[in-house]
Amino acid sequence: MIFSKDSIASQVLCSTRHFIPCVENLPVPIDLNYLASCLGYIIEEARIQQQGYITDTEDGKRLIRVRIDDPLRVKRFTIAHEIGHILLNIYEKKSCRRAKKFRLHAYSREEKIANRLAAEVLMPVSRFRHELLRHVIPSFATLGAMAGTFDVSLIACMRRITELPDFISFSYLYEFTRRSKDRLEVNLQNRYSSTPNLRFVEKPSEVVERCYAYSLSKGRNWEGKIRMVADHQVAIPSFLVTYKKKDKFFVRLSGWKKSDKAQCKREN
């Protein structure tokens, strides 16, 4: 089985594979009800404050409870995340019993591993890579098609691309604030990338403003190539998506490219 760069997630899945079937061999989108049942759990939707949690009922049932009002693809990631907690607890020989109000810090070790396991479960890496290579040109439409195939959100899909070891990829979210008629302020909100030293050749704000201006003038998402540097300079096919949320304007600039180094290794 091939895994992404997170070794803990691969260790957990390898050591617990007698509890659940190999996700690489299952049809996509992955049937989470089936995986939960293999672990002895039932998925139940409920009106709860948090997105999801694991609990036991008084009559002995083991539940993965998920918030009923969340979008379907958000629910799927929440369920996969809770399955990740179960697998990690099995791996570390800990109890899976968790109180209804029990919460871990979002950036805790266990939460991070559960998120990585959720990605491995929903988007098995060899299947995901194969599907990605079918789409020649990165675009918002390509991302949407990939997300549809695996029944995940667009951002979960894009983050998964940045986890593939043989791709150079990124997804940066910016907030636009108009300070005056002629002046925009561009602030980075979050970033995912295949390597921490990936950076723009040009000034980031200028790149983003130029792509945004094109989108406004043409009435469609900008698509093209952006020059970036990691170990060497590379032109990455990219696209920009704009949206508004609570009176704030955001743009997400994303792109990916097969690594030239990975190609050279196969040829040699």
C-alpha atoms as a PDB file:
ATOM      1  CA  MET A   1       0.000   0.000   0.000  1.00  0.00           C
ATOM      2  CA  ILE A   2       1.270   3.522  -0.843  1.00  0.00           C
ATOM      3  CA  PHE A   3       0.827   6.323   1.645  1.00  0.00           C
ATOM      4  CA  SER A   4       1.348  10.052   1.685  1.00  0.00           C
ATOM      5  CA  LYS A   5       4.193  11.707   3.548  1.00  0.00           C
ATOM      6  CA  ASP A   6       2.696  11.328   7.027  1.00  0.00           C
ATOM      7  CA  SER A   7       4.407   8.224   8.464  1.00  0.00           C
ATOM      8  CA  ILE A   8       2.194   8.020  11.580  1.00  0.00           C
ATOM      9  CA  ALA A   9      -0.943   7.703   9.449  1.00  0.00           C
ATOM     10  CA  SER A  10       0.674   4.905   7.430  1.00  0.00           C
ATOM     11  CA  GLN A  11       1.782   3.096  10.599  1.00  0.00           C
ATOM     12  CA  VAL A  12      -1.709   3.309  12.079  1.00  0.00           C
ATOM     13  CA  LEU A  13      -3.391   1.983   8.938  1.00  0.00           C
ATOM     14  CA  CYS A  14      -0.855  -0.819   8.520  1.00  0.00           C
ATOM     15  CA  SER A  15      -1.152  -1.981  12.117  1.00  0.00           C
ATOM     16  CA  THR A  16      -4.983  -1.857  12.157  1.00  0.00           C
ATOM     17  CA  ARG A  17      -5.672  -3.340   8.714  1.00  0.00           C
ATOM     18  CA  HIS A  18      -7.188  -6.519  10.247  1.00  0.00           C
ATOM     19  CA  PHE A  19      -9.971  -4.286  11.646  1.00  0.00           C
ATOM     20  CA  ILE A  20     -10.938  -2.606   8.365  1.00  0.00           C
ATOM     21  CA  PRO A  21     -10.428  -3.614   4.709  1.00  0.00           C
ATOM     22  CA  CYS A  22      -7.707  -1.977   2.640  1.00  0.00           C
ATOM     23  CA  VAL A  23      -9.242   1.304   1.470  1.00  0.00           C
ATOM     24  CA  GLU A  24      -7.130   1.159  -1.711  1.00  0.00           C
ATOM     25  CA  ASN A  25      -9.247  -1.820  -2.812  1.00  0.00           C
ATOM     26  CA  LEU A  26     -12.665  -0.307  -2.075  1.00  0.00           C
ATOM     27  CA  PRO A  27     -14.767   1.531  -4.683  1.00  0.00           C
ATOM     28  CA  VAL A  28     -14.915   5.300  -4.401  1.00  0.00           C
ATOM     29  CA  PRO A  29     -16.499   7.264  -2.916  1.00  0.00           C
ATOM     30  CA  ILE A  30     -15.576   5.212   0.163  1.00  0.00           C
ATOM     31  CA  ASP A  31     -18.557   3.730   2.026  1.00  0.00           C
ATOM     32  CA  LEU A  32     -18.058   5.125   5.544  1.00  0.00           C
ATOM     33  CA  ASN A  33     -21.041   3.247   6.984  1.00  0.00           C
ATOM     34  CA  TYR A  34     -19.307   0.026   5.975  1.00  0.00           C
ATOM     35  CA  LEU A  35     -15.977   1.051   7.519  1.00  0.00           C
ATOM     36  CA  ALA A  36     -17.689   2.157  10.738  1.00  0.00           C
ATOM     37  CA  SER A  37     -19.552  -1.163  10.954  1.00  0.00           C
ATOM     38  CA  CYS A  38     -16.271  -3.064  10.574  1.00  0.00           C
ATOM     39  CA  LEU A  39     -15.116  -1.291  13.730  1.00  0.00           C
ATOM     40  CA  GLY A  40     -18.386  -2.011  15.552  1.00  0.00           C
ATOM     41  CA  TYR A  41     -19.788   1.527  15.240  1.00  0.00           C
ATOM     42  CA  ILE A  42     -23.059   2.959  13.951  1.00  0.00           C
ATOM     43  CA  ILE A  43     -23.198   6.414  12.354  1.00  0.00           C
ATOM     44  CA  GLU A  44     -25.956   8.605  13.750  1.00  0.00           C
ATOM     45  CA  GLU A  45     -26.903  12.153  12.766  1.00  0.00           C
ATOM     46  CA  ALA A  46     -28.020  14.428  15.598  1.00  0.00           C
ATOM     47  CA  ARG A  47     -28.588  18.057  16.491  1.00  0.00           C
ATOM     48  CA  ILE A  48     -25.341  18.693  18.336  1.00  0.00           C
ATOM     49  CA  GLN A  49     -23.042  21.694  18.771  1.00  0.00           C
ATOM     50  CA  GLN A  50     -19.745  20.131  17.759  1.00  0.00           C
ATOM     51  CA  GLN A  51     -19.233  18.540  14.362  1.00  0.00           C
ATOM     52  CA  GLY A  52     -18.921  15.008  15.670  1.00  0.00           C
ATOM     53  CA  TYR A  53     -17.770  12.707  18.429  1.00  0.00           C
ATOM     54  CA  ILE A  54     -17.551   9.058  19.510  1.00  0.00           C
ATOM     55  CA  THR A  55     -19.843   7.841  22.286  1.00  0.00           C
ATOM     56  CA  ASP A  56     -21.384   4.748  23.867  1.00  0.00           C
ATOM     57  CA  THR A  57     -25.099   4.499  24.630  1.00  0.00           C
ATOM     58  CA  GLU A  58     -26.506   3.082  27.863  1.00  0.00           C
ATOM     59  CA  ASP A  59     -27.592  -0.077  26.026  1.00  0.00           C
ATOM     60  CA  GLY A  60     -24.057  -0.721  24.786  1.00  0.00           C
ATOM     61  CA  LYS A  61     -24.189   0.678  21.243  1.00  0.00           C
ATOM     62  CA  ARG A  62     -21.075   2.411  19.953  1.00  0.00           C
ATOM     63  CA  LEU A  63     -21.855   5.512  17.937  1.00  0.00           C
ATOM     64  CA  ILE A  64     -20.147   8.012  15.681  1.00  0.00           C
ATOM     65  CA  ARG A  65     -22.431  10.984  16.127  1.00  0.00           C
ATOM     66  CA  VAL A  66     -22.318  13.732  13.483  1.00  0.00           C
ATOM     67  CA  ARG A  67     -24.030  17.125  13.251  1.00  0.00           C
ATOM     68  CA  ILE A  68     -27.143  16.794  11.118  1.00  0.00           C
ATOM     69  CA  ASP A  69     -27.123  20.361   9.731  1.00  0.00           C
ATOM     70  CA  ASP A  70     -23.647  20.200   8.177  1.00  0.00           C
ATOM     71  CA  PRO A  71     -23.246  19.768   4.394  1.00  0.00           C
ATOM     72  CA  LEU A  72     -22.932  16.138   3.282  1.00  0.00           C
ATOM     73  CA  ARG A  73     -19.251  16.374   2.363  1.00  0.00           C
ATOM     74  CA  VAL A  74     -18.416  18.040   5.662  1.00  0.00           C
ATOM     75  CA  LYS A  75     -20.217  15.198   7.445  1.00  0.00           C
ATOM     76  CA  ARG A  76     -18.188  12.670   5.484  1.00  0.00           C
ATOM     77  CA  PHE A  77     -14.906  14.227   6.578  1.00  0.00           C
ATOM     78  CA  THR A  78     -16.152  14.417  10.185  1.00  0.00           C
ATOM     79  CA  ILE A  79     -17.063  10.717  10.136  1.00  0.00           C
ATOM     80  CA  ALA A  80     -13.709   9.794   8.591  1.00  0.00           C
ATOM     81  CA  HIS A  81     -11.999  11.956  11.235  1.00  0.00           C
ATOM     82  CA  GLU A  82     -13.771  10.062  14.031  1.00  0.00           C
ATOM     83  CA  ILE A  83     -12.827   6.755  12.372  1.00  0.00           C
ATOM     84  CA  GLY A  84      -9.274   8.096  12.476  1.00  0.00           C
ATOM     85  CA  HIS A  85      -9.581   8.581  16.243  1.00  0.00           C
ATOM     86  CA  ILE A  86     -10.836   5.006  16.638  1.00  0.00           C
ATOM     87  CA  LEU A  87      -7.969   3.577  14.591  1.00  0.00           C
ATOM     88  CA  LEU A  88      -5.395   5.669  16.461  1.00  0.00           C
ATOM     89  CA  ASN A  89      -6.784   4.521  19.806  1.00  0.00           C
ATOM     90  CA  ILE A  90      -6.625   0.882  18.652  1.00  0.00           C
ATOM     91  CA  TYR A  91      -3.051   1.437  17.486  1.00  0.00           C
ATOM     92  CA  GLU A  92      -2.052   3.012  20.807  1.00  0.00           C
ATOM     93  CA  LYS A  93      -4.138   0.507  22.812  1.00  0.00           C
ATOM     94  CA  LYS A  94      -6.266   3.230  24.363  1.00  0.00           C
ATOM     95  CA  SER A  95      -9.960   3.252  25.199  1.00  0.00           C
ATOM     96  CA  CYS A  96     -12.231   4.688  22.499  1.00  0.00           C
ATOM     97  CA  ARG A  97     -14.778   5.855  25.046  1.00  0.00           C
ATOM     98  CA  ARG A  98     -15.149   9.613  24.920  1.00  0.00           C
ATOM     99  CA  ALA A  99     -17.595  11.793  26.821  1.00  0.00           C
ATOM    100  CA  LYS A 100     -20.145  13.805  24.845  1.00  0.00           C
ATOM    101  CA  LYS A 101     -18.554  17.141  25.769  1.00  0.00           C
ATOM    102  CA  PHE A 102     -14.959  15.939  25.494  1.00  0.00           C
ATOM    103  CA  ARG A 103     -12.936  17.982  23.018  1.00  0.00           C
ATOM    104  CA  LEU A 104      -9.310  17.993  21.975  1.00  0.00           C
ATOM    105  CA  HIS A 105      -7.483  21.137  20.953  1.00  0.00           C
ATOM    106  CA  ALA A 106      -7.739  21.530  17.170  1.00  0.00           C
ATOM    107  CA  TYR A 107      -3.936  21.547  16.842  1.00  0.00           C
ATOM    108  CA  SER A 108      -3.241  18.680  19.226  1.00  0.00           C
ATOM    109  CA  ARG A 109      -1.210  15.698  18.049  1.00  0.00           C
ATOM    110  CA  GLU A 110      -4.269  13.409  18.067  1.00  0.00           C
ATOM    111  CA  GLU A 111      -6.421  15.840  16.079  1.00  0.00           C
ATOM    112  CA  LYS A 112      -3.724  16.289  13.446  1.00  0.00           C
ATOM    113  CA  ILE A 113      -3.268  12.527  13.061  1.00  0.00           C
ATOM    114  CA  ALA A 114      -7.050  11.998  12.901  1.00  0.00           C
ATOM    115  CA  ASN A 115      -7.242  14.549  10.072  1.00  0.00           C
ATOM    116  CA  ARG A 116      -4.451  12.787   8.170  1.00  0.00           C
ATOM    117  CA  LEU A 117      -6.160   9.439   8.656  1.00  0.00           C
ATOM    118  CA  ALA A 118      -9.432  10.937   7.418  1.00  0.00           C
ATOM    119  CA  ALA A 119      -7.679  12.013   4.215  1.00  0.00           C
ATOM    120  CA  GLU A 120      -6.124   8.554   3.799  1.00  0.00           C
ATOM    121  CA  VAL A 121      -9.514   6.887   4.289  1.00  0.00           C
ATOM    122  CA  LEU A 122     -11.538   9.186   2.002  1.00  0.00           C
ATOM    123  CA  MET A 123      -8.886   9.687  -0.694  1.00  0.00           C
ATOM    124  CA  PRO A 124      -6.609   6.605  -0.821  1.00  0.00           C
ATOM    125  CA  VAL A 125      -3.387   7.999  -2.194  1.00  0.00           C
ATOM    126  CA  SER A 126      -2.703   5.674  -5.139  1.00  0.00           C
ATOM    127  CA  ARG A 127      -6.328   5.930  -6.295  1.00  0.00           C
ATOM    128  CA  PHE A 128      -6.269   9.685  -5.797  1.00  0.00           C
ATOM    129  CA  ARG A 129      -3.008  10.103  -7.730  1.00  0.00           C
ATOM    130  CA  HIS A 130      -4.318   7.955 -10.597  1.00  0.00           C
ATOM    131  CA  GLU A 131      -7.472  10.063 -10.847  1.00  0.00           C
ATOM    132  CA  LEU A 132      -5.502  13.312 -10.666  1.00  0.00           C
ATOM    133  CA  LEU A 133      -3.230  12.271 -13.532  1.00  0.00           C
ATOM    134  CA  ARG A 134      -6.299  11.760 -15.733  1.00  0.00           C
ATOM    135  CA  HIS A 135      -6.889  15.523 -15.607  1.00  0.00           C
ATOM    136  CA  VAL A 136      -4.148  17.155 -17.656  1.00  0.00           C
ATOM    137  CA  ILE A 137      -4.710  20.836 -16.834  1.00  0.00           C
ATOM    138  CA  PRO A 138      -5.289  22.050 -13.250  1.00  0.00           C
ATOM    139  CA  SER A 139      -8.444  24.166 -13.016  1.00  0.00           C
ATOM    140  CA  PHE A 140     -11.423  24.815 -10.777  1.00  0.00           C
ATOM    141  CA  ALA A 141     -13.409  22.385 -12.947  1.00  0.00           C
ATOM    142  CA  THR A 142     -10.731  19.722 -12.461  1.00  0.00           C
ATOM    143  CA  LEU A 143     -10.795  20.237  -8.704  1.00  0.00           C
ATOM    144  CA  GLY A 144     -14.582  19.974  -8.724  1.00  0.00           C
ATOM    145  CA  ALA A 145     -14.461  16.732 -10.714  1.00  0.00           C
ATOM    146  CA  MET A 146     -11.903  15.257  -8.307  1.00  0.00           C
ATOM    147  CA  ALA A 147     -13.965  16.289  -5.281  1.00  0.00           C
ATOM    148  CA  GLY A 148     -17.033  14.718  -6.879  1.00  0.00           C
ATOM    149  CA  THR A 149     -15.273  11.421  -7.533  1.00  0.00           C
ATOM    150  CA  PHE A 150     -14.263  11.041  -3.883  1.00  0.00           C
ATOM    151  CA  ASP A 151     -17.286  12.892  -2.448  1.00  0.00           C
ATOM    152  CA  VAL A 152     -15.198  15.356  -0.450  1.00  0.00           C
ATOM    153  CA  SER A 153     -15.133  19.140  -0.169  1.00  0.00           C
ATOM    154  CA  LEU A 154     -13.060  21.224  -2.576  1.00  0.00           C
ATOM    155  CA  ILE A 155     -10.653  22.296   0.167  1.00  0.00           C
ATOM    156  CA  ALA A 156     -10.176  18.710   1.419  1.00  0.00           C
ATOM    157  CA  CYS A 157      -9.417  17.677  -2.153  1.00  0.00           C
ATOM    158  CA  MET A 158      -6.928  20.517  -2.653  1.00  0.00           C
ATOM    159  CA  ARG A 159      -5.190  19.786   0.635  1.00  0.00           C
ATOM    160  CA  ARG A 160      -4.849  16.163  -0.433  1.00  0.00           C
ATOM    161  CA  ILE A 161      -3.065  17.237  -3.605  1.00  0.00           C
ATOM    162  CA  THR A 162      -0.517  19.121  -1.488  1.00  0.00           C
ATOM    163  CA  GLU A 163       0.172  15.865   0.399  1.00  0.00           C
ATOM    164  CA  LEU A 164       1.224  13.922  -2.687  1.00  0.00           C
ATOM    165  CA  PRO A 165       5.012  13.513  -2.523  1.00  0.00           C
ATOM    166  CA  ASP A 166       5.594  13.626  -6.297  1.00  0.00           C
ATOM    167  CA  PHE A 167       3.701  16.881  -6.958  1.00  0.00           C
ATOM    168  CA  ILE A 168       4.622  20.524  -6.472  1.00  0.00           C
ATOM    169  CA  SER A 169       1.375  22.099  -5.309  1.00  0.00           C
ATOM    170  CA  PHE A 170      -0.089  24.938  -3.290  1.00  0.00           C
ATOM    171  CA  SER A 171      -3.336  26.548  -2.183  1.00  0.00           C
ATOM    172  CA  TYR A 172      -3.242  30.008  -0.570  1.00  0.00           C
ATOM    173  CA  LEU A 173      -6.259  31.916   0.740  1.00  0.00           C
ATOM    174  CA  TYR A 174      -6.182  35.741   0.761  1.00  0.00           C
ATOM    175  CA  GLU A 175      -8.580  38.319   2.143  1.00  0.00           C
ATOM    176  CA  PHE A 176      -9.031  41.521   0.138  1.00  0.00           C
ATOM    177  CA  THR A 177      -9.704  44.739   2.050  1.00  0.00           C
ATOM    178  CA  ARG A 178     -10.308  48.006   0.202  1.00  0.00           C
ATOM    179  CA  ARG A 179      -8.482  50.789   2.028  1.00  0.00           C
ATOM    180  CA  SER A 180      -9.325  53.458  -0.551  1.00  0.00           C
ATOM    181  CA  LYS A 181     -10.680  53.793  -4.087  1.00  0.00           C
ATOM    182  CA  ASP A 182      -7.310  52.903  -5.563  1.00  0.00           C
ATOM    183  CA  ARG A 183      -5.780  50.765  -2.848  1.00  0.00           C
ATOM    184  CA  LEU A 184      -6.434  47.129  -1.936  1.00  0.00           C
ATOM    185  CA  GLU A 185      -4.826  45.387   1.008  1.00  0.00           C
ATOM    186  CA  VAL A 186      -4.062  41.693   0.471  1.00  0.00           C
ATOM    187  CA  ASN A 187      -3.665  39.518   3.575  1.00  0.00           C
ATOM    188  CA  LEU A 188      -2.747  35.836   3.600  1.00  0.00           C
ATOM    189  CA  GLN A 189      -5.255  33.847   5.684  1.00  0.00           C
ATOM    190  CA  ASN A 190      -3.992  30.277   5.316  1.00  0.00           C
ATOM    191  CA  ARG A 191      -1.667  28.252   3.130  1.00  0.00           C
ATOM    192  CA  TYR A 192      -1.178  24.635   2.170  1.00  0.00           C
ATOM    193  CA  SER A 193       1.768  23.583   0.064  1.00  0.00           C
ATOM    194  CA  SER A 194       3.727  20.482  -0.859  1.00  0.00           C
ATOM    195  CA  THR A 195       6.912  22.001   0.506  1.00  0.00           C
ATOM    196  CA  PRO A 196       7.401  24.703   3.167  1.00  0.00           C
ATOM    197  CA  ASN A 197       9.929  26.668   1.085  1.00  0.00           C
ATOM    198  CA  LEU A 198       7.661  27.139  -1.948  1.00  0.00           C
ATOM    199  CA  ARG A 199       7.366  30.852  -2.780  1.00  0.00           C
ATOM    200  CA  PHE A 200       6.400  33.236  -5.580  1.00  0.00           C
ATOM    201  CA  VAL A 201       9.109  34.634  -7.837  1.00  0.00           C
ATOM    202  CA  GLU A 202       7.261  37.985  -7.850  1.00  0.00           C
ATOM    203  CA  LYS A 203       5.803  39.836  -4.873  1.00  0.00           C
ATOM    204  CA  PRO A 204       2.812  37.715  -3.707  1.00  0.00           C
ATOM    205  CA  SER A 205       0.371  40.626  -3.379  1.00  0.00           C
ATOM    206  CA  GLU A 206       1.115  41.755  -6.947  1.00  0.00           C
ATOM    207  CA  VAL A 207       0.525  38.264  -8.323  1.00  0.00           C
ATOM    208  CA  VAL A 208      -2.781  37.923  -6.482  1.00  0.00           C
ATOM    209  CA  GLU A 209      -3.993  41.429  -7.412  1.00  0.00           C
ATOM    210  CA  ARG A 210      -3.161  40.854 -11.083  1.00  0.00           C
ATOM    211  CA  CYS A 211      -5.072  37.548 -11.197  1.00  0.00           C
ATOM    212  CA  TYR A 212      -7.973  39.090  -9.290  1.00  0.00           C
ATOM    213  CA  ALA A 213      -8.136  42.067 -11.662  1.00  0.00           C
ATOM    214  CA  TYR A 214      -8.317  39.668 -14.613  1.00  0.00           C
ATOM    215  CA  SER A 215     -11.195  37.759 -12.983  1.00  0.00           C
ATOM    216  CA  LEU A 216     -13.120  40.992 -12.430  1.00  0.00           C
ATOM    217  CA  SER A 217     -12.567  42.281 -15.958  1.00  0.00           C
ATOM    218  CA  LYS A 218     -13.406  38.981 -17.694  1.00  0.00           C
ATOM    219  CA  GLY A 219     -16.146  37.792 -15.350  1.00  0.00           C
ATOM    220  CA  ARG A 220     -14.553  34.378 -14.921  1.00  0.00           C
ATOM    221  CA  ASN A 221     -11.871  32.669 -12.840  1.00  0.00           C
ATOM    222  CA  TRP A 222      -8.295  33.405 -13.850  1.00  0.00           C
ATOM    223  CA  GLU A 223      -6.332  30.405 -15.123  1.00  0.00           C
ATOM    224  CA  GLY A 224      -2.694  30.392 -16.180  1.00  0.00           C
ATOM    225  CA  LYS A 225       0.807  29.685 -14.903  1.00  0.00           C
ATOM    226  CA  ILE A 226       2.589  31.193 -11.915  1.00  0.00           C
ATOM    227  CA  ARG A 227       6.357  31.225 -11.541  1.00  0.00           C
ATOM    228  CA  MET A 228       7.399  29.863  -8.177  1.00  0.00           C
ATOM    229  CA  VAL A 229      10.583  28.681  -6.509  1.00  0.00           C
ATOM    230  CA  ALA A 230      11.229  25.695  -4.286  1.00  0.00           C
ATOM    231  CA  ASP A 231      14.577  24.019  -5.002  1.00  0.00           C
ATOM    232  CA  HIS A 232      14.428  25.564  -8.461  1.00  0.00           C
ATOM    233  CA  GLN A 233      12.149  27.876 -10.433  1.00  0.00           C
ATOM    234  CA  VAL A 234       9.075  26.255 -11.941  1.00  0.00           C
ATOM    235  CA  ALA A 235       5.933  27.447 -13.736  1.00  0.00           C
ATOM    236  CA  ILE A 236       2.912  25.910 -12.016  1.00  0.00           C
ATOM    237  CA  PRO A 237      -0.467  25.723 -13.816  1.00  0.00           C
ATOM    238  CA  SER A 238      -2.805  27.570 -11.452  1.00  0.00           C
ATOM    239  CA  PHE A 239      -6.261  29.086 -11.037  1.00  0.00           C
ATOM    240  CA  LEU A 240      -7.949  31.659  -8.837  1.00  0.00           C
ATOM    241  CA  VAL A 241     -11.395  31.483  -7.249  1.00  0.00           C
ATOM    242  CA  THR A 242     -13.147  34.476  -5.680  1.00  0.00           C
ATOM    243  CA  TYR A 243     -15.960  34.448  -3.139  1.00  0.00           C
ATOM    244  CA  LYS A 244     -17.648  36.589  -0.513  1.00  0.00           C
ATOM    245  CA  LYS A 245     -18.322  35.556   3.086  1.00  0.00           C
ATOM    246  CA  LYS A 246     -19.934  37.767   5.725  1.00  0.00           C
ATOM    247  CA  ASP A 247     -19.205  40.970   3.802  1.00  0.00           C
ATOM    248  CA  LYS A 248     -15.563  39.984   3.320  1.00  0.00           C
ATOM    249  CA  PHE A 249     -13.956  39.221  -0.046  1.00  0.00           C
ATOM    250  CA  PHE A 250     -11.612  36.275  -0.439  1.00  0.00           C
ATOM    251  CA  VAL A 251      -9.569  34.759  -3.234  1.00  0.00           C
ATOM    252  CA  ARG A 252      -8.002  31.326  -3.251  1.00  0.00           C
ATOM    253  CA  LEU A 253      -5.048  30.793  -5.532  1.00  0.00           C
ATOM    254  CA  SER A 254      -4.214  27.132  -6.158  1.00  0.00           C
ATOM    255  CA  GLY A 255      -2.143  25.054  -8.520  1.00  0.00           C
ATOM    256  CA  TRP A 256      -0.160  21.865  -8.994  1.00  0.00           C
ATOM    257  CA  LYS A 257       2.383  20.249 -11.251  1.00  0.00           C
ATOM    258  CA  LYS A 258       4.013  16.830 -11.448  1.00  0.00           C
ATOM    259  CA  SER A 259       7.474  17.088  -9.976  1.00  0.00           C
ATOM    260  CA  ASP A 260      10.258  16.979 -12.551  1.00  0.00           C
ATOM    261  CA  LYS A 261      12.437  15.149 -10.016  1.00  0.00           C
ATOM    262  CA  ALA A 262       9.860  12.384  -9.636  1.00  0.00           C
ATOM    263  CA  GLN A 263       9.741  12.007 -13.416  1.00  0.00           C
ATOM    264  CA  CYS A 264      13.561  11.796 -13.616  1.00  0.00           C
ATOM    265  CA  LYS A 265      13.703   9.120 -10.912  1.00  0.00           C
ATOM    266  CA  ARG A 266      11.271   6.884 -12.832  1.00  0.00           C
ATOM    267  CA  GLU A 267      13.154   7.339 -16.091  1.00  0.00           C
ATOM    268  CA  ASN A 268      16.472   6.444 -14.434  1.00  0.00           C
END
